[in-house]
Amino acid sequence: MARTGELAPVTFARLARLIYENSRLYLAAEKRQMLANRLRPRLAQLNLGNFEQYYDLLLQPQSLGEQEILIELVAIHHSHFFRELTHFQYLAQTIVPGLSDRLQRQGGTLRLWSAATAFGQEAYSIAMTLAQCQQIDPGLRCQLTASDISRRALQTARRAIYATDALDGVPPTLLHAYFQRGQGPQQGHCRVRPELRQQIRFERINLFQRTYPFSERFHVIFCRNVMIYFDEPARQEALARMADCLEPGGYLIVGCSEALMSHPHRFQPLSQGVYRL
């Protein structure tokens, strides 16, 4: 057994396999020190002397909650408002106008899913984009679902309070229209206005869980800057599941650096990071 404070390669491999089985997040061998650093505070909280004891704890039938905590400690939740702005422009200028007339004739609703929303910046950026579209086209009805694997990240998303300096990507007109500036103890922070918060349904979803809590398919899925953390089999599985969740002719938007050309899939490329089923 490794002495306290060290994460032995064999224990790292076991933990990495457990993480992969639960989330498809792939940890290569060079991530061993990173994992050890992220787990040490948790071991101290649980009063455990080494990583082997922690792994044994994770295998207990009552430890599903601890497995979730393990995934939260590993998952990366980096995002900001209007990240990769061209995707929101494409949504407003191409996707929404192309679908709106048909949906309104059918009495339908434009359904969108932000599938890895992190702390909520992507979901609120989509919501602001749609709200601007509705000002031009008042008959447009929208339904936005936002999800993440992290309960902690979703708590922040639901609170919708952000440091003012984190809003640099929000145009001034949208900042005035959709955010409230904090006063007193909340000075230096802004909160998304309730009328925009209410447009989003937040759900905890693991992209690889057996079933999703959806009754209808989506017209647009944002799943950006996530698949870079998966290995090839997991990417193929994720793409297949995204396709199954889309209406025929629906759009999948991935990160600009996540070109899908090397992966088998059912999508046609339209623009950088934009694909259509």
C-alpha atoms as a PDB file:
ATOM      1  CA  MET A   1       0.000   0.000   0.000  1.00  0.00           C
ATOM      2  CA  ALA A   2       1.297   3.481  -0.850  1.00  0.00           C
ATOM      3  CA  ARG A   3       2.141   5.727   2.059  1.00  0.00           C
ATOM      4  CA  THR A   4      -0.320   8.482   2.975  1.00  0.00           C
ATOM      5  CA  GLY A   5      -0.307  11.343   0.494  1.00  0.00           C
ATOM      6  CA  GLU A   6       0.702   9.320  -2.557  1.00  0.00           C
ATOM      7  CA  LEU A   7      -1.631   8.035  -5.244  1.00  0.00           C
ATOM      8  CA  ALA A   8      -0.143   4.768  -6.441  1.00  0.00           C
ATOM      9  CA  PRO A   9      -0.419   3.996 -10.173  1.00  0.00           C
ATOM     10  CA  VAL A  10      -2.581   0.942  -9.547  1.00  0.00           C
ATOM     11  CA  THR A  11      -5.019   2.942  -7.406  1.00  0.00           C
ATOM     12  CA  PHE A  12      -5.064   5.758  -9.950  1.00  0.00           C
ATOM     13  CA  ALA A  13      -5.948   3.223 -12.651  1.00  0.00           C
ATOM     14  CA  ARG A  14      -8.832   1.907 -10.532  1.00  0.00           C
ATOM     15  CA  LEU A  15     -10.155   5.389  -9.824  1.00  0.00           C
ATOM     16  CA  ALA A  16      -9.768   6.416 -13.459  1.00  0.00           C
ATOM     17  CA  ARG A  17     -11.706   3.342 -14.558  1.00  0.00           C
ATOM     18  CA  LEU A  18     -14.505   4.139 -12.091  1.00  0.00           C
ATOM     19  CA  ILE A  19     -14.628   7.737 -13.321  1.00  0.00           C
ATOM     20  CA  TYR A  20     -14.781   6.551 -16.915  1.00  0.00           C
ATOM     21  CA  GLU A  21     -17.545   4.041 -16.235  1.00  0.00           C
ATOM     22  CA  ASN A  22     -19.664   6.730 -14.589  1.00  0.00           C
ATOM     23  CA  SER A  23     -19.004   9.688 -16.876  1.00  0.00           C
ATOM     24  CA  ARG A  24     -16.800   8.637 -19.846  1.00  0.00           C
ATOM     25  CA  LEU A  25     -14.303  11.263 -18.722  1.00  0.00           C
ATOM     26  CA  TYR A  26     -10.944   9.863 -19.720  1.00  0.00           C
ATOM     27  CA  LEU A  27      -7.924  10.386 -17.463  1.00  0.00           C
ATOM     28  CA  ALA A  28      -4.600   9.509 -19.043  1.00  0.00           C
ATOM     29  CA  ALA A  29      -1.708   8.373 -16.858  1.00  0.00           C
ATOM     30  CA  GLU A  30      -0.202  11.872 -16.770  1.00  0.00           C
ATOM     31  CA  LYS A  31      -3.308  13.087 -14.894  1.00  0.00           C
ATOM     32  CA  ARG A  32      -2.360  11.070 -11.785  1.00  0.00           C
ATOM     33  CA  GLN A  33      -0.941  14.054  -9.874  1.00  0.00           C
ATOM     34  CA  MET A  34      -3.897  16.224 -10.849  1.00  0.00           C
ATOM     35  CA  LEU A  35      -6.332  13.645  -9.504  1.00  0.00           C
ATOM     36  CA  ALA A  36      -4.343  13.263  -6.290  1.00  0.00           C
ATOM     37  CA  ASN A  37      -4.356  17.029  -5.713  1.00  0.00           C
ATOM     38  CA  ARG A  38      -8.108  17.271  -6.228  1.00  0.00           C
ATOM     39  CA  LEU A  39      -8.877  14.322  -3.972  1.00  0.00           C
ATOM     40  CA  ARG A  40      -6.667  15.194  -0.980  1.00  0.00           C
ATOM     41  CA  PRO A  41      -9.099  17.735   0.539  1.00  0.00           C
ATOM     42  CA  ARG A  42     -11.914  15.193   0.197  1.00  0.00           C
ATOM     43  CA  LEU A  43      -9.880  12.516   1.974  1.00  0.00           C
ATOM     44  CA  ALA A  44      -9.279  14.977   4.800  1.00  0.00           C
ATOM     45  CA  GLN A  45     -13.007  15.737   5.041  1.00  0.00           C
ATOM     46  CA  LEU A  46     -13.764  12.014   5.279  1.00  0.00           C
ATOM     47  CA  ASN A  47     -10.894  11.392   7.715  1.00  0.00           C
ATOM     48  CA  LEU A  48      -9.344   8.802   5.404  1.00  0.00           C
ATOM     49  CA  GLY A  49      -5.641   8.029   5.570  1.00  0.00           C
ATOM     50  CA  ASN A  50      -4.956   7.130   1.933  1.00  0.00           C
ATOM     51  CA  PHE A  51      -6.394   6.800  -1.547  1.00  0.00           C
ATOM     52  CA  GLU A  52      -6.869   3.054  -1.263  1.00  0.00           C
ATOM     53  CA  GLN A  53      -9.350   3.592   1.577  1.00  0.00           C
ATOM     54  CA  TYR A  54     -11.187   6.136  -0.554  1.00  0.00           C
ATOM     55  CA  TYR A  55     -11.432   3.704  -3.451  1.00  0.00           C
ATOM     56  CA  ASP A  56     -12.797   1.016  -1.103  1.00  0.00           C
ATOM     57  CA  LEU A  57     -15.390   3.529   0.123  1.00  0.00           C
ATOM     58  CA  LEU A  58     -16.491   4.235  -3.446  1.00  0.00           C
ATOM     59  CA  LEU A  59     -17.257   0.556  -3.984  1.00  0.00           C
ATOM     60  CA  GLN A  60     -19.738   0.404  -1.116  1.00  0.00           C
ATOM     61  CA  PRO A  61     -23.400   0.059  -2.197  1.00  0.00           C
ATOM     62  CA  GLN A  62     -24.351   3.210  -0.288  1.00  0.00           C
ATOM     63  CA  SER A  63     -21.657   5.335  -1.949  1.00  0.00           C
ATOM     64  CA  LEU A  64     -23.422   6.477  -5.128  1.00  0.00           C
ATOM     65  CA  GLY A  65     -23.452  10.000  -3.757  1.00  0.00           C
ATOM     66  CA  GLU A  66     -19.707   9.856  -3.193  1.00  0.00           C
ATOM     67  CA  GLN A  67     -19.216   8.696  -6.765  1.00  0.00           C
ATOM     68  CA  GLU A  68     -21.046  11.844  -7.887  1.00  0.00           C
ATOM     69  CA  ILE A  69     -18.700  13.936  -5.742  1.00  0.00           C
ATOM     70  CA  LEU A  70     -15.718  12.205  -7.346  1.00  0.00           C
ATOM     71  CA  ILE A  71     -16.983  13.141 -10.815  1.00  0.00           C
ATOM     72  CA  GLU A  72     -17.563  16.735  -9.694  1.00  0.00           C
ATOM     73  CA  LEU A  73     -13.969  16.964  -8.489  1.00  0.00           C
ATOM     74  CA  VAL A  74     -12.691  15.825 -11.877  1.00  0.00           C
ATOM     75  CA  ALA A  75     -15.064  17.549 -14.309  1.00  0.00           C
ATOM     76  CA  ILE A  76     -13.975  20.881 -15.796  1.00  0.00           C
ATOM     77  CA  HIS A  77     -16.591  23.649 -15.819  1.00  0.00           C
ATOM     78  CA  HIS A  78     -14.985  26.426 -17.826  1.00  0.00           C
ATOM     79  CA  SER A  79     -17.326  28.750 -19.645  1.00  0.00           C
ATOM     80  CA  HIS A  80     -18.243  32.384 -20.085  1.00  0.00           C
ATOM     81  CA  PHE A  81     -21.052  34.399 -21.619  1.00  0.00           C
ATOM     82  CA  PHE A  82     -21.300  34.252 -25.405  1.00  0.00           C
ATOM     83  CA  ARG A  83     -18.267  32.016 -25.663  1.00  0.00           C
ATOM     84  CA  GLU A  84     -17.598  31.382 -29.368  1.00  0.00           C
ATOM     85  CA  LEU A  85     -19.940  34.181 -30.366  1.00  0.00           C
ATOM     86  CA  THR A  86     -20.410  32.961 -33.930  1.00  0.00           C
ATOM     87  CA  HIS A  87     -22.644  30.131 -32.687  1.00  0.00           C
ATOM     88  CA  PHE A  88     -25.125  32.542 -31.132  1.00  0.00           C
ATOM     89  CA  GLN A  89     -25.069  34.649 -34.266  1.00  0.00           C
ATOM     90  CA  TYR A  90     -25.758  31.530 -36.336  1.00  0.00           C
ATOM     91  CA  LEU A  91     -28.625  30.625 -34.018  1.00  0.00           C
ATOM     92  CA  ALA A  92     -30.199  34.066 -34.364  1.00  0.00           C
ATOM     93  CA  GLN A  93     -29.521  34.696 -38.039  1.00  0.00           C
ATOM     94  CA  THR A  94     -29.909  31.250 -39.603  1.00  0.00           C
ATOM     95  CA  ILE A  95     -31.416  28.578 -37.368  1.00  0.00           C
ATOM     96  CA  VAL A  96     -34.286  30.487 -35.784  1.00  0.00           C
ATOM     97  CA  PRO A  97     -35.475  32.195 -39.023  1.00  0.00           C
ATOM     98  CA  GLY A  98     -35.240  28.870 -40.844  1.00  0.00           C
ATOM     99  CA  LEU A  99     -37.473  27.071 -38.333  1.00  0.00           C
ATOM    100  CA  SER A 100     -39.789  29.792 -37.044  1.00  0.00           C
ATOM    101  CA  ASP A 101     -42.376  29.994 -39.833  1.00  0.00           C
ATOM    102  CA  ARG A 102     -42.941  26.249 -39.996  1.00  0.00           C
ATOM    103  CA  LEU A 103     -43.199  25.915 -36.213  1.00  0.00           C
ATOM    104  CA  GLN A 104     -45.667  28.781 -35.969  1.00  0.00           C
ATOM    105  CA  ARG A 105     -47.859  27.332 -38.743  1.00  0.00           C
ATOM    106  CA  GLN A 106     -47.917  24.033 -36.827  1.00  0.00           C
ATOM    107  CA  GLY A 107     -48.470  25.703 -33.465  1.00  0.00           C
ATOM    108  CA  GLY A 108     -45.145  24.274 -32.330  1.00  0.00           C
ATOM    109  CA  THR A 109     -42.378  25.346 -29.982  1.00  0.00           C
ATOM    110  CA  LEU A 110     -38.673  25.669 -30.738  1.00  0.00           C
ATOM    111  CA  ARG A 111     -36.955  23.244 -28.350  1.00  0.00           C
ATOM    112  CA  LEU A 112     -33.305  23.665 -27.416  1.00  0.00           C
ATOM    113  CA  TRP A 113     -30.946  21.821 -25.068  1.00  0.00           C
ATOM    114  CA  SER A 114     -27.749  23.210 -23.572  1.00  0.00           C
ATOM    115  CA  ALA A 115     -26.265  19.818 -22.753  1.00  0.00           C
ATOM    116  CA  ALA A 116     -23.215  20.857 -20.711  1.00  0.00           C
ATOM    117  CA  THR A 117     -24.172  24.234 -19.336  1.00  0.00           C
ATOM    118  CA  ALA A 118     -21.593  24.346 -16.520  1.00  0.00           C
ATOM    119  CA  PHE A 119     -22.378  27.372 -14.330  1.00  0.00           C
ATOM    120  CA  GLY A 120     -25.146  28.554 -16.650  1.00  0.00           C
ATOM    121  CA  GLN A 121     -23.403  31.095 -18.859  1.00  0.00           C
ATOM    122  CA  GLU A 122     -24.162  29.177 -22.052  1.00  0.00           C
ATOM    123  CA  ALA A 123     -27.824  28.671 -21.172  1.00  0.00           C
ATOM    124  CA  TYR A 124     -28.361  32.340 -20.348  1.00  0.00           C
ATOM    125  CA  SER A 125     -26.517  33.376 -23.521  1.00  0.00           C
ATOM    126  CA  ILE A 126     -28.907  31.188 -25.520  1.00  0.00           C
ATOM    127  CA  ALA A 127     -31.891  32.583 -23.606  1.00  0.00           C
ATOM    128  CA  MET A 128     -30.835  36.170 -24.316  1.00  0.00           C
ATOM    129  CA  THR A 129     -30.365  35.333 -27.998  1.00  0.00           C
ATOM    130  CA  LEU A 130     -33.847  33.816 -28.171  1.00  0.00           C
ATOM    131  CA  ALA A 131     -35.382  36.755 -26.317  1.00  0.00           C
ATOM    132  CA  GLN A 132     -33.909  39.098 -28.913  1.00  0.00           C
ATOM    133  CA  CYS A 133     -35.324  36.912 -31.673  1.00  0.00           C
ATOM    134  CA  GLN A 134     -38.766  37.050 -30.039  1.00  0.00           C
ATOM    135  CA  GLN A 135     -38.686  40.839 -30.078  1.00  0.00           C
ATOM    136  CA  ILE A 136     -38.421  40.626 -33.862  1.00  0.00           C
ATOM    137  CA  ASP A 137     -40.787  37.654 -34.166  1.00  0.00           C
ATOM    138  CA  PRO A 138     -43.308  37.796 -31.283  1.00  0.00           C
ATOM    139  CA  GLY A 139     -45.049  34.608 -32.416  1.00  0.00           C
ATOM    140  CA  LEU A 140     -41.950  32.518 -31.753  1.00  0.00           C
ATOM    141  CA  ARG A 141     -42.300  30.172 -28.787  1.00  0.00           C
ATOM    142  CA  CYS A 142     -39.202  28.638 -27.229  1.00  0.00           C
ATOM    143  CA  GLN A 143     -38.411  25.981 -24.655  1.00  0.00           C
ATOM    144  CA  LEU A 144     -34.871  25.759 -23.290  1.00  0.00           C
ATOM    145  CA  THR A 145     -33.496  22.910 -21.173  1.00  0.00           C
ATOM    146  CA  ALA A 146     -30.037  23.216 -19.618  1.00  0.00           C
ATOM    147  CA  SER A 147     -28.173  20.375 -17.968  1.00  0.00           C
ATOM    148  CA  ASP A 148     -24.859  19.431 -16.446  1.00  0.00           C
ATOM    149  CA  ILE A 149     -23.380  16.454 -14.627  1.00  0.00           C
ATOM    150  CA  SER A 150     -22.433  18.655 -11.658  1.00  0.00           C
ATOM    151  CA  ARG A 151     -25.023  19.489  -9.010  1.00  0.00           C
ATOM    152  CA  ARG A 152     -22.707  22.195  -7.677  1.00  0.00           C
ATOM    153  CA  ALA A 153     -22.480  23.866 -11.071  1.00  0.00           C
ATOM    154  CA  LEU A 154     -26.256  23.708 -11.487  1.00  0.00           C
ATOM    155  CA  GLN A 155     -26.775  25.377  -8.109  1.00  0.00           C
ATOM    156  CA  THR A 156     -24.740  28.323  -9.378  1.00  0.00           C
ATOM    157  CA  ALA A 157     -26.670  28.308 -12.656  1.00  0.00           C
ATOM    158  CA  ARG A 158     -30.014  28.429 -10.859  1.00  0.00           C
ATOM    159  CA  ARG A 159     -28.855  31.255  -8.556  1.00  0.00           C
ATOM    160  CA  ALA A 160     -27.803  33.182 -11.683  1.00  0.00           C
ATOM    161  CA  ILE A 161     -25.521  35.556  -9.778  1.00  0.00           C
ATOM    162  CA  TYR A 162     -22.221  36.429 -11.446  1.00  0.00           C
ATOM    163  CA  ALA A 163     -19.338  38.746 -10.697  1.00  0.00           C
ATOM    164  CA  THR A 164     -19.583  41.912 -12.772  1.00  0.00           C
ATOM    165  CA  ASP A 165     -16.186  41.316 -14.354  1.00  0.00           C
ATOM    166  CA  ALA A 166     -17.437  37.912 -15.582  1.00  0.00           C
ATOM    167  CA  LEU A 167     -19.969  39.695 -17.812  1.00  0.00           C
ATOM    168  CA  ASP A 168     -17.466  41.253 -20.196  1.00  0.00           C
ATOM    169  CA  GLY A 169     -18.792  39.157 -23.078  1.00  0.00           C
ATOM    170  CA  VAL A 170     -22.353  40.477 -22.681  1.00  0.00           C
ATOM    171  CA  PRO A 171     -23.157  43.442 -24.978  1.00  0.00           C
ATOM    172  CA  PRO A 172     -24.161  46.567 -22.986  1.00  0.00           C
ATOM    173  CA  THR A 173     -27.724  46.561 -24.333  1.00  0.00           C
ATOM    174  CA  LEU A 174     -28.255  42.967 -23.170  1.00  0.00           C
ATOM    175  CA  LEU A 175     -26.553  43.643 -19.862  1.00  0.00           C
ATOM    176  CA  HIS A 176     -29.022  46.448 -19.173  1.00  0.00           C
ATOM    177  CA  ALA A 177     -32.030  44.466 -20.374  1.00  0.00           C
ATOM    178  CA  TYR A 178     -31.407  41.122 -18.683  1.00  0.00           C
ATOM    179  CA  PHE A 179     -29.297  41.715 -15.556  1.00  0.00           C
ATOM    180  CA  GLN A 180     -29.869  43.418 -12.220  1.00  0.00           C
ATOM    181  CA  ARG A 181     -26.892  45.071 -10.537  1.00  0.00           C
ATOM    182  CA  GLY A 182     -26.310  44.086  -6.935  1.00  0.00           C
ATOM    183  CA  GLN A 183     -26.522  46.601  -4.131  1.00  0.00           C
ATOM    184  CA  GLY A 184     -24.977  46.589  -0.661  1.00  0.00           C
ATOM    185  CA  PRO A 185     -23.474  43.168   0.109  1.00  0.00           C
ATOM    186  CA  GLN A 186     -24.092  42.124  -3.514  1.00  0.00           C
ATOM    187  CA  GLN A 187     -22.226  45.081  -4.988  1.00  0.00           C
ATOM    188  CA  GLY A 188     -19.847  43.900  -7.679  1.00  0.00           C
ATOM    189  CA  HIS A 189     -22.273  41.174  -8.763  1.00  0.00           C
ATOM    190  CA  CYS A 190     -25.191  40.976 -11.172  1.00  0.00           C
ATOM    191  CA  ARG A 191     -28.149  38.632 -11.283  1.00  0.00           C
ATOM    192  CA  VAL A 192     -30.042  37.460 -14.339  1.00  0.00           C
ATOM    193  CA  ARG A 193     -33.512  38.979 -14.298  1.00  0.00           C
ATOM    194  CA  PRO A 194     -36.268  36.566 -13.187  1.00  0.00           C
ATOM    195  CA  GLU A 195     -38.175  36.757 -16.468  1.00  0.00           C
ATOM    196  CA  LEU A 196     -35.134  35.269 -18.232  1.00  0.00           C
ATOM    197  CA  ARG A 197     -34.331  32.737 -15.489  1.00  0.00           C
ATOM    198  CA  GLN A 198     -37.856  31.408 -15.739  1.00  0.00           C
ATOM    199  CA  GLN A 199     -37.356  30.552 -19.408  1.00  0.00           C
ATOM    200  CA  ILE A 200     -34.877  27.779 -18.551  1.00  0.00           C
ATOM    201  CA  ARG A 201     -35.448  24.361 -17.028  1.00  0.00           C
ATOM    202  CA  PHE A 202     -32.312  23.092 -15.316  1.00  0.00           C
ATOM    203  CA  GLU A 203     -31.741  19.348 -14.951  1.00  0.00           C
ATOM    204  CA  ARG A 204     -28.869  17.219 -13.668  1.00  0.00           C
ATOM    205  CA  ILE A 205     -28.052  14.910 -16.571  1.00  0.00           C
ATOM    206  CA  ASN A 206     -25.128  12.616 -17.173  1.00  0.00           C
ATOM    207  CA  LEU A 207     -24.818  12.379 -20.956  1.00  0.00           C
ATOM    208  CA  PHE A 208     -24.236   8.644 -20.605  1.00  0.00           C
ATOM    209  CA  GLN A 209     -27.061   7.791 -18.226  1.00  0.00           C
ATOM    210  CA  ARG A 210     -29.446   5.103 -19.452  1.00  0.00           C
ATOM    211  CA  THR A 211     -32.355   7.400 -20.320  1.00  0.00           C
ATOM    212  CA  TYR A 212     -32.945  11.141 -20.504  1.00  0.00           C
ATOM    213  CA  PRO A 213     -35.919  12.929 -18.871  1.00  0.00           C
ATOM    214  CA  PHE A 214     -37.289  14.195 -22.191  1.00  0.00           C
ATOM    215  CA  SER A 215     -40.592  13.440 -23.842  1.00  0.00           C
ATOM    216  CA  GLU A 216     -39.865  15.279 -27.104  1.00  0.00           C
ATOM    217  CA  ARG A 217     -36.904  15.694 -29.406  1.00  0.00           C
ATOM    218  CA  PHE A 218     -35.028  18.953 -29.771  1.00  0.00           C
ATOM    219  CA  HIS A 219     -34.523  21.216 -32.751  1.00  0.00           C
ATOM    220  CA  VAL A 220     -31.141  22.455 -31.491  1.00  0.00           C
ATOM    221  CA  ILE A 221     -28.568  20.930 -29.132  1.00  0.00           C
ATOM    222  CA  PHE A 222     -25.553  22.821 -27.846  1.00  0.00           C
ATOM    223  CA  CYS A 223     -22.937  20.313 -26.643  1.00  0.00           C
ATOM    224  CA  ARG A 224     -19.779  22.361 -26.809  1.00  0.00           C
ATOM    225  CA  ASN A 225     -16.243  21.788 -25.569  1.00  0.00           C
ATOM    226  CA  VAL A 226     -17.176  18.534 -23.863  1.00  0.00           C
ATOM    227  CA  MET A 227     -16.125  15.785 -26.236  1.00  0.00           C
ATOM    228  CA  ILE A 228     -12.487  16.855 -26.015  1.00  0.00           C
ATOM    229  CA  TYR A 229     -12.514  15.120 -22.618  1.00  0.00           C
ATOM    230  CA  PHE A 230     -13.802  11.808 -24.038  1.00  0.00           C
ATOM    231  CA  ASP A 231     -11.956   9.007 -25.776  1.00  0.00           C
ATOM    232  CA  GLU A 232     -13.013   7.879 -29.256  1.00  0.00           C
ATOM    233  CA  PRO A 233     -15.630   5.262 -28.220  1.00  0.00           C
ATOM    234  CA  ALA A 234     -17.251   7.761 -25.861  1.00  0.00           C
ATOM    235  CA  ARG A 235     -17.331  10.447 -28.575  1.00  0.00           C
ATOM    236  CA  GLN A 236     -19.072   8.072 -30.945  1.00  0.00           C
ATOM    237  CA  GLU A 237     -21.573   7.115 -28.255  1.00  0.00           C
ATOM    238  CA  ALA A 238     -22.260  10.758 -27.423  1.00  0.00           C
ATOM    239  CA  LEU A 239     -22.785  11.706 -31.069  1.00  0.00           C
ATOM    240  CA  ALA A 240     -25.186   8.806 -31.589  1.00  0.00           C
ATOM    241  CA  ARG A 241     -27.199   9.806 -28.538  1.00  0.00           C
ATOM    242  CA  MET A 242     -27.312  13.445 -29.599  1.00  0.00           C
ATOM    243  CA  ALA A 243     -28.608  12.374 -33.002  1.00  0.00           C
ATOM    244  CA  ASP A 244     -31.330  10.304 -31.357  1.00  0.00           C
ATOM    245  CA  CYS A 245     -32.412  13.369 -29.357  1.00  0.00           C
ATOM    246  CA  LEU A 246     -32.796  15.632 -32.387  1.00  0.00           C
ATOM    247  CA  GLU A 247     -35.707  16.160 -34.716  1.00  0.00           C
ATOM    248  CA  PRO A 248     -34.915  15.262 -38.344  1.00  0.00           C
ATOM    249  CA  GLY A 249     -33.089  18.272 -39.741  1.00  0.00           C
ATOM    250  CA  GLY A 250     -32.137  19.408 -36.237  1.00  0.00           C
ATOM    251  CA  TYR A 251     -28.886  21.154 -35.400  1.00  0.00           C
ATOM    252  CA  LEU A 252     -25.973  20.038 -33.238  1.00  0.00           C
ATOM    253  CA  ILE A 253     -23.532  22.743 -32.156  1.00  0.00           C
ATOM    254  CA  VAL A 254     -20.172  21.639 -30.765  1.00  0.00           C
ATOM    255  CA  GLY A 255     -17.038  23.597 -29.870  1.00  0.00           C
ATOM    256  CA  CYS A 256     -15.211  25.294 -32.721  1.00  0.00           C
ATOM    257  CA  SER A 257     -12.173  23.110 -32.028  1.00  0.00           C
ATOM    258  CA  GLU A 258     -14.232  19.897 -31.921  1.00  0.00           C
ATOM    259  CA  ALA A 259     -14.263  18.965 -35.596  1.00  0.00           C
ATOM    260  CA  LEU A 260     -16.279  15.782 -36.093  1.00  0.00           C
ATOM    261  CA  MET A 261     -14.747  14.734 -39.385  1.00  0.00           C
ATOM    262  CA  SER A 262     -12.677  11.927 -37.836  1.00  0.00           C
ATOM    263  CA  HIS A 263     -15.651  10.405 -36.006  1.00  0.00           C
ATOM    264  CA  PRO A 264     -18.446   8.303 -37.554  1.00  0.00           C
ATOM    265  CA  HIS A 265     -21.692  10.269 -37.263  1.00  0.00           C
ATOM    266  CA  ARG A 266     -24.959  11.100 -39.024  1.00  0.00           C
ATOM    267  CA  PHE A 267     -24.486  14.872 -39.297  1.00  0.00           C
ATOM    268  CA  GLN A 268     -23.745  17.202 -42.194  1.00  0.00           C
ATOM    269  CA  PRO A 269     -21.290  20.061 -41.513  1.00  0.00           C
ATOM    270  CA  LEU A 270     -22.699  23.552 -42.105  1.00  0.00           C
ATOM    271  CA  SER A 271     -20.305  25.939 -40.411  1.00  0.00           C
ATOM    272  CA  GLN A 272     -17.473  25.794 -37.894  1.00  0.00           C
ATOM    273  CA  GLY A 273     -18.877  23.710 -35.034  1.00  0.00           C
ATOM    274  CA  VAL A 274     -22.385  23.606 -36.558  1.00  0.00           C
ATOM    275  CA  TYR A 275     -23.878  20.363 -37.922  1.00  0.00           C
ATOM    276  CA  ARG A 276     -27.298  19.289 -39.120  1.00  0.00           C
ATOM    277  CA  LEU A 277     -28.921  15.884 -38.843  1.00  0.00           C
END
